Amino acid sequence: MTSINDFSARSIDGTTVDLATYSGDVLLVVNTASQCGFTPQYQGLQELHEKFASEGLRVLGFPCDQFGGQEPGADDEIAGFCERNFGVTFPLFSKVEVNGDGADPIFRWLRTEKGGILGDSIKWNFTKFLVGRDGQVIDRYAPTTKPESITSDIEKALAT
């Protein structure tokens, strides 16, 4: 695979989404969790979505239960939690694994394209990948990086 547009994913409502649907958009792909210390970042992600959606930013949330069992719910529970607590309207996908043999192909590709400080493994929930309009990974951000702190990178990506 050479671009994020080559992949598909199952949305949180169970439908298959061809990521080529987002071709020409800037993507912020995030592995999320509902019971994590970083869970309040959903608010910042939603704010980015609201601020930049009209310019072509798509925040894509992929719940993951690989880190401390912090996303134990079923997809419908996760969707309800995100909407109820953070007003999430950006696309959420079905729960995935991001590391190991069972890692979703999207995250295997993202990790290969942009490794972290200690290799390509994702270390925790709310690791973020910024993908340009061309479908290529621009940057990777640690879980501790607050969504609002990458606003200038998003603006640069949207301007190209």
N, C-alpha and C. Protein backbone atom coordinates (compact mmCIF):
# COMPACT_ATOMS: atom_id res chain seq x y z
N MET A 1 0.84 -1.17 0.00
CA MET A 1 0.00 0.00 0.00
C MET A 1 0.89 1.25 0.00
N THR A 2 0.48 2.21 -0.76
CA THR A 2 1.32 3.40 -0.91
C THR A 2 0.68 4.68 -0.41
N SER A 3 -0.58 4.61 -0.01
CA SER A 3 -1.31 5.78 0.44
C SER A 3 -2.42 5.34 1.39
N ILE A 4 -2.82 6.21 2.29
CA ILE A 4 -3.93 5.85 3.18
C ILE A 4 -5.20 5.61 2.38
N ASN A 5 -5.26 6.18 1.18
CA ASN A 5 -6.42 6.00 0.32
C ASN A 5 -6.57 4.58 -0.20
N ASP A 6 -5.55 3.74 -0.01
CA ASP A 6 -5.59 2.35 -0.46
C ASP A 6 -6.30 1.43 0.53
N PHE A 7 -6.71 1.95 1.68
CA PHE A 7 -7.28 1.13 2.75
C PHE A 7 -8.79 1.35 2.89
N SER A 8 -9.40 0.39 3.58
CA SER A 8 -10.78 0.56 4.01
C SER A 8 -10.85 0.20 5.49
N ALA A 9 -11.92 0.64 6.14
CA ALA A 9 -12.09 0.37 7.57
C ALA A 9 -13.58 0.21 7.86
N ARG A 10 -13.88 -0.49 8.94
CA ARG A 10 -15.26 -0.65 9.35
C ARG A 10 -15.64 0.49 10.29
N SER A 11 -16.67 1.23 9.91
CA SER A 11 -17.11 2.34 10.76
C SER A 11 -17.74 1.78 12.03
N ILE A 12 -17.92 2.63 13.01
CA ILE A 12 -18.44 2.20 14.30
C ILE A 12 -19.88 1.68 14.18
N ASP A 13 -20.56 2.04 13.07
CA ASP A 13 -21.91 1.51 12.86
C ASP A 13 -21.91 0.23 12.02
N GLY A 14 -20.71 -0.27 11.68
CA GLY A 14 -20.58 -1.55 11.01
C GLY A 14 -20.46 -1.50 9.50
N THR A 15 -20.56 -0.33 8.89
CA THR A 15 -20.43 -0.24 7.44
C THR A 15 -18.95 -0.11 7.06
N THR A 16 -18.63 -0.61 5.89
CA THR A 16 -17.26 -0.51 5.39
C THR A 16 -17.07 0.85 4.72
N VAL A 17 -15.99 1.53 5.09
CA VAL A 17 -15.67 2.84 4.54
C VAL A 17 -14.37 2.72 3.77
N ASP A 18 -14.42 3.04 2.49
CA ASP A 18 -13.23 3.10 1.67
C ASP A 18 -12.56 4.44 1.99
N LEU A 19 -11.32 4.40 2.48
CA LEU A 19 -10.67 5.65 2.87
C LEU A 19 -10.36 6.55 1.68
N ALA A 20 -10.48 6.03 0.47
CA ALA A 20 -10.36 6.88 -0.72
C ALA A 20 -11.48 7.92 -0.74
N THR A 21 -12.53 7.69 0.04
CA THR A 21 -13.60 8.67 0.21
C THR A 21 -13.02 10.01 0.68
N TYR A 22 -11.92 9.93 1.43
CA TYR A 22 -11.30 11.13 1.99
C TYR A 22 -10.14 11.64 1.13
N SER A 23 -10.01 11.11 -0.06
CA SER A 23 -8.94 11.54 -0.97
C SER A 23 -9.04 13.05 -1.17
N GLY A 24 -7.91 13.74 -1.02
CA GLY A 24 -7.88 15.19 -1.16
C GLY A 24 -8.11 15.93 0.14
N ASP A 25 -8.48 15.20 1.19
CA ASP A 25 -8.65 15.80 2.52
C ASP A 25 -7.38 15.61 3.34
N VAL A 26 -7.23 16.41 4.36
CA VAL A 26 -6.19 16.21 5.37
C VAL A 26 -6.82 15.38 6.47
N LEU A 27 -6.12 14.34 6.91
CA LEU A 27 -6.65 13.44 7.94
C LEU A 27 -5.83 13.53 9.21
N LEU A 28 -6.52 13.46 10.33
CA LEU A 28 -5.87 13.28 11.62
C LEU A 28 -6.40 11.96 12.15
N VAL A 29 -5.56 10.93 12.09
CA VAL A 29 -5.95 9.58 12.48
C VAL A 29 -5.45 9.33 13.90
N VAL A 30 -6.37 8.92 14.79
CA VAL A 30 -6.07 8.82 16.21
C VAL A 30 -6.59 7.50 16.77
N ASN A 31 -5.75 6.80 17.53
CA ASN A 31 -6.26 5.65 18.28
C ASN A 31 -6.77 6.17 19.62
N THR A 32 -8.02 5.87 19.93
CA THR A 32 -8.70 6.49 21.07
C THR A 32 -9.10 5.45 22.12
N ALA A 33 -9.49 5.94 23.28
CA ALA A 33 -10.01 5.09 24.35
C ALA A 33 -10.88 5.93 25.28
N SER A 34 -11.91 5.30 25.82
CA SER A 34 -12.90 6.01 26.64
C SER A 34 -12.54 6.10 28.12
N GLN A 35 -11.60 5.27 28.57
CA GLN A 35 -11.28 5.25 30.00
C GLN A 35 -9.79 5.50 30.24
N CYS A 36 -9.26 6.45 29.52
CA CYS A 36 -7.83 6.77 29.56
C CYS A 36 -7.64 8.17 30.15
N GLY A 37 -6.49 8.41 30.72
CA GLY A 37 -6.19 9.74 31.22
C GLY A 37 -6.21 10.79 30.11
N PHE A 38 -6.03 10.35 28.86
CA PHE A 38 -6.03 11.27 27.73
C PHE A 38 -7.41 11.40 27.08
N THR A 39 -8.42 10.69 27.59
CA THR A 39 -9.76 10.72 27.01
C THR A 39 -10.30 12.14 26.82
N PRO A 40 -10.01 13.09 27.72
CA PRO A 40 -10.49 14.46 27.47
C PRO A 40 -10.00 15.06 26.15
N GLN A 41 -9.00 14.45 25.52
CA GLN A 41 -8.56 14.93 24.20
C GLN A 41 -9.66 14.81 23.15
N TYR A 42 -10.67 13.99 23.41
CA TYR A 42 -11.81 13.94 22.49
C TYR A 42 -12.37 15.35 22.27
N GLN A 43 -12.39 16.16 23.31
CA GLN A 43 -12.90 17.52 23.19
C GLN A 43 -12.06 18.34 22.22
N GLY A 44 -10.75 18.26 22.36
CA GLY A 44 -9.85 18.98 21.45
C GLY A 44 -9.96 18.47 20.02
N LEU A 45 -10.11 17.16 19.87
CA LEU A 45 -10.27 16.59 18.52
C LEU A 45 -11.57 17.10 17.89
N GLN A 46 -12.64 17.13 18.68
CA GLN A 46 -13.92 17.63 18.18
C GLN A 46 -13.81 19.11 17.79
N GLU A 47 -13.08 19.89 18.60
CA GLU A 47 -12.89 21.31 18.28
C GLU A 47 -12.13 21.49 16.98
N LEU A 48 -11.08 20.66 16.75
CA LEU A 48 -10.36 20.72 15.48
C LEU A 48 -11.30 20.38 14.33
N HIS A 49 -12.11 19.34 14.52
CA HIS A 49 -13.07 18.93 13.50
C HIS A 49 -14.01 20.09 13.16
N GLU A 50 -14.55 20.73 14.17
CA GLU A 50 -15.49 21.83 13.94
C GLU A 50 -14.82 23.02 13.27
N LYS A 51 -13.60 23.30 13.67
CA LYS A 51 -12.89 24.48 13.15
C LYS A 51 -12.45 24.30 11.70
N PHE A 52 -12.01 23.09 11.33
CA PHE A 52 -11.36 22.90 10.04
C PHE A 52 -12.09 21.98 9.06
N ALA A 53 -13.21 21.41 9.43
CA ALA A 53 -13.91 20.49 8.52
C ALA A 53 -14.25 21.17 7.19
N SER A 54 -14.66 22.41 7.24
CA SER A 54 -15.05 23.11 6.01
C SER A 54 -13.85 23.34 5.09
N GLU A 55 -12.63 23.26 5.64
CA GLU A 55 -11.42 23.42 4.84
C GLU A 55 -10.85 22.08 4.38
N GLY A 56 -11.44 20.97 4.85
CA GLY A 56 -11.00 19.67 4.38
C GLY A 56 -10.30 18.80 5.41
N LEU A 57 -10.37 19.15 6.70
CA LEU A 57 -9.79 18.27 7.73
C LEU A 57 -10.83 17.22 8.11
N ARG A 58 -10.38 15.98 8.20
CA ARG A 58 -11.21 14.89 8.70
C ARG A 58 -10.46 14.24 9.86
N VAL A 59 -11.05 14.29 11.04
CA VAL A 59 -10.53 13.57 12.19
C VAL A 59 -11.14 12.18 12.13
N LEU A 60 -10.31 11.15 12.22
CA LEU A 60 -10.78 9.77 12.18
C LEU A 60 -10.36 9.09 13.48
N GLY A 61 -11.33 8.67 14.28
CA GLY A 61 -11.06 8.04 15.56
C GLY A 61 -11.19 6.53 15.48
N PHE A 62 -10.15 5.84 15.94
CA PHE A 62 -10.12 4.39 15.95
C PHE A 62 -9.96 3.89 17.39
N PRO A 63 -11.07 3.54 18.05
CA PRO A 63 -10.97 3.02 19.42
C PRO A 63 -10.06 1.79 19.48
N CYS A 64 -9.34 1.68 20.59
CA CYS A 64 -8.38 0.60 20.77
C CYS A 64 -8.35 0.19 22.24
N ASP A 65 -8.35 -1.11 22.49
CA ASP A 65 -8.35 -1.63 23.86
C ASP A 65 -7.02 -2.28 24.24
N GLN A 66 -5.96 -2.00 23.50
CA GLN A 66 -4.67 -2.65 23.73
C GLN A 66 -3.86 -2.07 24.88
N PHE A 67 -4.25 -0.94 25.40
CA PHE A 67 -3.43 -0.27 26.42
C PHE A 67 -4.21 -0.21 27.72
N GLY A 68 -3.94 -1.11 28.61
CA GLY A 68 -4.54 -1.12 29.93
C GLY A 68 -6.04 -1.41 29.93
N GLY A 69 -6.56 -2.01 28.87
CA GLY A 69 -7.98 -2.33 28.81
C GLY A 69 -8.86 -1.10 28.95
N GLN A 70 -8.43 0.02 28.37
CA GLN A 70 -9.12 1.29 28.58
C GLN A 70 -10.22 1.58 27.57
N GLU A 71 -10.52 0.59 26.72
CA GLU A 71 -11.65 0.72 25.80
C GLU A 71 -12.40 -0.62 25.77
N PRO A 72 -13.02 -0.99 26.91
CA PRO A 72 -13.64 -2.32 27.02
C PRO A 72 -15.00 -2.44 26.34
N GLY A 73 -15.66 -1.34 26.03
CA GLY A 73 -17.03 -1.38 25.52
C GLY A 73 -17.17 -1.88 24.10
N ALA A 74 -18.40 -2.22 23.75
CA ALA A 74 -18.75 -2.56 22.38
C ALA A 74 -18.85 -1.26 21.57
N ASP A 75 -18.86 -1.40 20.26
CA ASP A 75 -18.87 -0.22 19.39
C ASP A 75 -20.02 0.73 19.70
N ASP A 76 -21.22 0.21 19.93
CA ASP A 76 -22.36 1.10 20.21
C ASP A 76 -22.18 1.84 21.53
N GLU A 77 -21.57 1.18 22.51
CA GLU A 77 -21.29 1.85 23.79
C GLU A 77 -20.26 2.96 23.62
N ILE A 78 -19.24 2.69 22.82
CA ILE A 78 -18.19 3.67 22.56
C ILE A 78 -18.78 4.89 21.86
N ALA A 79 -19.58 4.65 20.82
CA ALA A 79 -20.20 5.75 20.08
C ALA A 79 -21.07 6.60 21.00
N GLY A 80 -21.87 5.95 21.84
CA GLY A 80 -22.73 6.68 22.77
C GLY A 80 -21.94 7.50 23.77
N PHE A 81 -20.87 6.92 24.30
CA PHE A 81 -20.01 7.63 25.24
C PHE A 81 -19.43 8.88 24.60
N CYS A 82 -18.90 8.74 23.39
CA CYS A 82 -18.25 9.87 22.72
C CYS A 82 -19.23 10.98 22.40
N GLU A 83 -20.42 10.61 21.96
CA GLU A 83 -21.43 11.62 21.64
C GLU A 83 -21.95 12.30 22.91
N ARG A 84 -22.25 11.50 23.91
CA ARG A 84 -22.83 12.00 25.16
C ARG A 84 -21.86 12.90 25.94
N ASN A 85 -20.61 12.50 26.02
CA ASN A 85 -19.64 13.20 26.87
C ASN A 85 -18.83 14.28 26.16
N PHE A 86 -18.65 14.15 24.84
CA PHE A 86 -17.79 15.10 24.13
C PHE A 86 -18.44 15.65 22.87
N GLY A 87 -19.67 15.27 22.58
CA GLY A 87 -20.35 15.77 21.39
C GLY A 87 -19.66 15.40 20.10
N VAL A 88 -18.99 14.24 20.08
CA VAL A 88 -18.21 13.83 18.92
C VAL A 88 -19.11 13.64 17.70
N THR A 89 -18.75 14.34 16.63
CA THR A 89 -19.44 14.18 15.35
C THR A 89 -18.48 13.75 14.24
N PHE A 90 -17.17 13.69 14.53
CA PHE A 90 -16.23 13.22 13.51
C PHE A 90 -16.35 11.69 13.40
N PRO A 91 -15.90 11.12 12.28
CA PRO A 91 -16.06 9.68 12.07
C PRO A 91 -15.29 8.84 13.11
N LEU A 92 -16.01 7.87 13.66
CA LEU A 92 -15.42 6.87 14.53
C LEU A 92 -15.51 5.52 13.83
N PHE A 93 -14.53 4.69 14.08
CA PHE A 93 -14.47 3.39 13.45
C PHE A 93 -14.57 2.30 14.50
N SER A 94 -14.76 1.10 14.04
CA SER A 94 -14.85 -0.04 14.93
C SER A 94 -13.52 -0.24 15.65
N LYS A 95 -13.59 -0.79 16.84
CA LYS A 95 -12.40 -1.00 17.67
C LYS A 95 -11.36 -1.83 16.90
N VAL A 96 -10.10 -1.39 16.99
CA VAL A 96 -8.99 -2.05 16.29
C VAL A 96 -7.84 -2.30 17.25
N GLU A 97 -6.93 -3.13 16.81
CA GLU A 97 -5.62 -3.26 17.44
C GLU A 97 -4.65 -2.43 16.61
N VAL A 98 -3.67 -1.82 17.27
CA VAL A 98 -2.72 -0.96 16.55
C VAL A 98 -1.30 -1.53 16.55
N ASN A 99 -1.05 -2.52 17.38
CA ASN A 99 0.26 -3.17 17.47
C ASN A 99 0.09 -4.68 17.38
N GLY A 100 1.19 -5.37 17.12
CA GLY A 100 1.19 -6.82 17.16
C GLY A 100 0.64 -7.48 15.91
N ASP A 101 0.52 -8.81 15.98
CA ASP A 101 0.09 -9.59 14.83
C ASP A 101 -1.32 -9.23 14.37
N GLY A 102 -2.17 -8.81 15.30
CA GLY A 102 -3.54 -8.47 14.96
C GLY A 102 -3.75 -7.01 14.60
N ALA A 103 -2.67 -6.26 14.43
CA ALA A 103 -2.79 -4.82 14.14
C ALA A 103 -3.56 -4.59 12.85
N ASP A 104 -4.42 -3.62 12.88
CA ASP A 104 -5.16 -3.22 11.69
C ASP A 104 -4.16 -2.77 10.63
N PRO A 105 -4.39 -3.16 9.37
CA PRO A 105 -3.45 -2.78 8.30
C PRO A 105 -3.19 -1.28 8.20
N ILE A 106 -4.20 -0.47 8.51
CA ILE A 106 -4.01 0.99 8.45
C ILE A 106 -2.93 1.41 9.44
N PHE A 107 -2.99 0.87 10.64
CA PHE A 107 -2.00 1.26 11.66
C PHE A 107 -0.66 0.63 11.40
N ARG A 108 -0.61 -0.56 10.81
CA ARG A 108 0.69 -1.12 10.41
C ARG A 108 1.36 -0.18 9.42
N TRP A 109 0.58 0.29 8.45
CA TRP A 109 1.12 1.20 7.43
C TRP A 109 1.53 2.54 8.05
N LEU A 110 0.67 3.13 8.87
CA LEU A 110 0.99 4.41 9.50
C LEU A 110 2.29 4.30 10.31
N ARG A 111 2.42 3.24 11.08
CA ARG A 111 3.62 3.06 11.92
C ARG A 111 4.87 2.92 11.06
N THR A 112 4.75 2.23 9.94
CA THR A 112 5.89 2.05 9.03
C THR A 112 6.29 3.38 8.40
N GLU A 113 5.28 4.17 8.06
CA GLU A 113 5.54 5.46 7.41
C GLU A 113 6.16 6.48 8.35
N LYS A 114 5.77 6.43 9.62
CA LYS A 114 6.29 7.43 10.58
C LYS A 114 6.45 6.76 11.93
N GLY A 115 7.68 6.32 12.21
CA GLY A 115 7.98 5.70 13.49
C GLY A 115 8.02 6.72 14.62
N GLY A 116 7.99 6.21 15.82
CA GLY A 116 8.07 7.06 17.00
C GLY A 116 9.49 7.15 17.51
N ILE A 117 9.65 7.75 18.65
CA ILE A 117 10.97 7.94 19.25
C ILE A 117 11.64 6.60 19.56
N LEU A 118 10.85 5.63 19.99
CA LEU A 118 11.41 4.33 20.39
C LEU A 118 11.06 3.23 19.40
N GLY A 119 10.98 3.55 18.11
CA GLY A 119 10.61 2.56 17.10
C GLY A 119 9.22 2.85 16.58
N ASP A 120 8.66 1.89 15.83
CA ASP A 120 7.39 2.20 15.20
C ASP A 120 6.16 1.83 16.03
N SER A 121 6.32 1.06 17.08
CA SER A 121 5.16 0.67 17.89
C SER A 121 4.45 1.89 18.47
N ILE A 122 3.15 1.78 18.57
CA ILE A 122 2.37 2.82 19.22
C ILE A 122 2.44 2.53 20.71
N LYS A 123 2.78 3.54 21.48
CA LYS A 123 3.04 3.34 22.91
C LYS A 123 1.80 3.47 23.78
N TRP A 124 0.78 4.22 23.34
CA TRP A 124 -0.40 4.41 24.19
C TRP A 124 -1.54 4.99 23.35
N ASN A 125 -2.68 5.13 24.00
CA ASN A 125 -3.86 5.73 23.37
C ASN A 125 -3.59 7.19 23.00
N PHE A 126 -4.30 7.64 22.00
CA PHE A 126 -4.26 9.02 21.51
C PHE A 126 -2.95 9.39 20.83
N THR A 127 -2.30 8.40 20.22
CA THR A 127 -1.22 8.69 19.28
C THR A 127 -1.91 9.20 18.02
N LYS A 128 -1.36 10.25 17.43
CA LYS A 128 -2.00 10.92 16.31
C LYS A 128 -1.09 10.91 15.09
N PHE A 129 -1.70 10.70 13.92
CA PHE A 129 -0.99 10.75 12.65
C PHE A 129 -1.66 11.79 11.77
N LEU A 130 -0.89 12.76 11.28
CA LEU A 130 -1.40 13.76 10.35
C LEU A 130 -1.06 13.30 8.94
N VAL A 131 -2.08 13.19 8.11
CA VAL A 131 -1.94 12.70 6.74
C VAL A 131 -2.35 13.81 5.79
N GLY A 132 -1.50 14.07 4.81
CA GLY A 132 -1.75 15.15 3.86
C GLY A 132 -2.80 14.83 2.82
N ARG A 133 -3.13 15.83 2.04
CA ARG A 133 -4.13 15.68 0.99
C ARG A 133 -3.74 14.61 -0.03
N ASP A 134 -2.44 14.33 -0.14
CA ASP A 134 -1.94 13.31 -1.07
C ASP A 134 -1.99 11.90 -0.48
N GLY A 135 -2.49 11.76 0.75
CA GLY A 135 -2.60 10.44 1.37
C GLY A 135 -1.33 9.97 2.06
N GLN A 136 -0.32 10.83 2.14
CA GLN A 136 0.95 10.47 2.76
C GLN A 136 1.04 11.03 4.19
N VAL A 137 1.73 10.29 5.06
CA VAL A 137 1.87 10.71 6.45
C VAL A 137 2.82 11.90 6.53
N ILE A 138 2.36 12.96 7.16
CA ILE A 138 3.17 14.15 7.36
C ILE A 138 3.92 14.07 8.67
N ASP A 139 3.21 13.69 9.75
CA ASP A 139 3.84 13.66 11.06
C ASP A 139 3.08 12.74 12.00
N ARG A 140 3.73 12.41 13.08
CA ARG A 140 3.18 11.57 14.14
C ARG A 140 3.35 12.33 15.45
N TYR A 141 2.31 12.26 16.30
CA TYR A 141 2.33 13.00 17.56
C TYR A 141 2.08 12.04 18.72
N ALA A 142 2.79 12.28 19.80
CA ALA A 142 2.68 11.45 21.00
C ALA A 142 1.31 11.62 21.66
N PRO A 143 0.91 10.65 22.47
CA PRO A 143 -0.34 10.76 23.21
C PRO A 143 -0.42 12.02 24.07
N THR A 144 0.70 12.49 24.57
CA THR A 144 0.71 13.68 25.42
C THR A 144 0.52 14.97 24.64
N THR A 145 0.65 14.90 23.31
CA THR A 145 0.47 16.09 22.48
C THR A 145 -1.02 16.41 22.40
N LYS A 146 -1.40 17.57 22.90
CA LYS A 146 -2.81 17.96 22.88
C LYS A 146 -3.21 18.35 21.45
N PRO A 147 -4.42 17.99 21.06
CA PRO A 147 -4.85 18.29 19.69
C PRO A 147 -4.66 19.75 19.30
N GLU A 148 -4.98 20.67 20.20
CA GLU A 148 -4.89 22.09 19.85
C GLU A 148 -3.44 22.53 19.58
N SER A 149 -2.48 21.79 20.07
CA SER A 149 -1.08 22.18 19.87
C SER A 149 -0.58 21.87 18.46
N ILE A 150 -1.35 21.14 17.68
CA ILE A 150 -0.92 20.84 16.31
C ILE A 150 -1.71 21.65 15.28
N THR A 151 -2.39 22.67 15.74
CA THR A 151 -3.19 23.52 14.85
C THR A 151 -2.36 24.08 13.70
N SER A 152 -1.16 24.57 14.00
CA SER A 152 -0.36 25.17 12.92
C SER A 152 0.05 24.13 11.88
N ASP A 153 0.34 22.90 12.30
CA ASP A 153 0.67 21.84 11.33
C ASP A 153 -0.54 21.51 10.46
N ILE A 154 -1.71 21.50 11.06
CA ILE A 154 -2.95 21.24 10.31
C ILE A 154 -3.18 22.36 9.30
N GLU A 155 -2.99 23.60 9.74
CA GLU A 155 -3.18 24.74 8.83
C GLU A 155 -2.22 24.66 7.65
N LYS A 156 -0.97 24.28 7.89
CA LYS A 156 0.01 24.13 6.79
C LYS A 156 -0.44 23.05 5.82
N ALA A 157 -0.89 21.91 6.38
CA ALA A 157 -1.33 20.81 5.54
C ALA A 157 -2.56 21.18 4.71
N LEU A 158 -3.46 21.93 5.30
CA LEU A 158 -4.66 22.37 4.59
C LEU A 158 -4.34 23.36 3.48
N ALA A 159 -3.26 24.11 3.65
CA ALA A 159 -2.87 25.13 2.66
C ALA A 159 -2.23 24.54 1.42
N THR A 160 -1.85 23.28 1.47
CA THR A 160 -1.18 22.67 0.30
C THR A 160 -2.16 21.97 -0.61
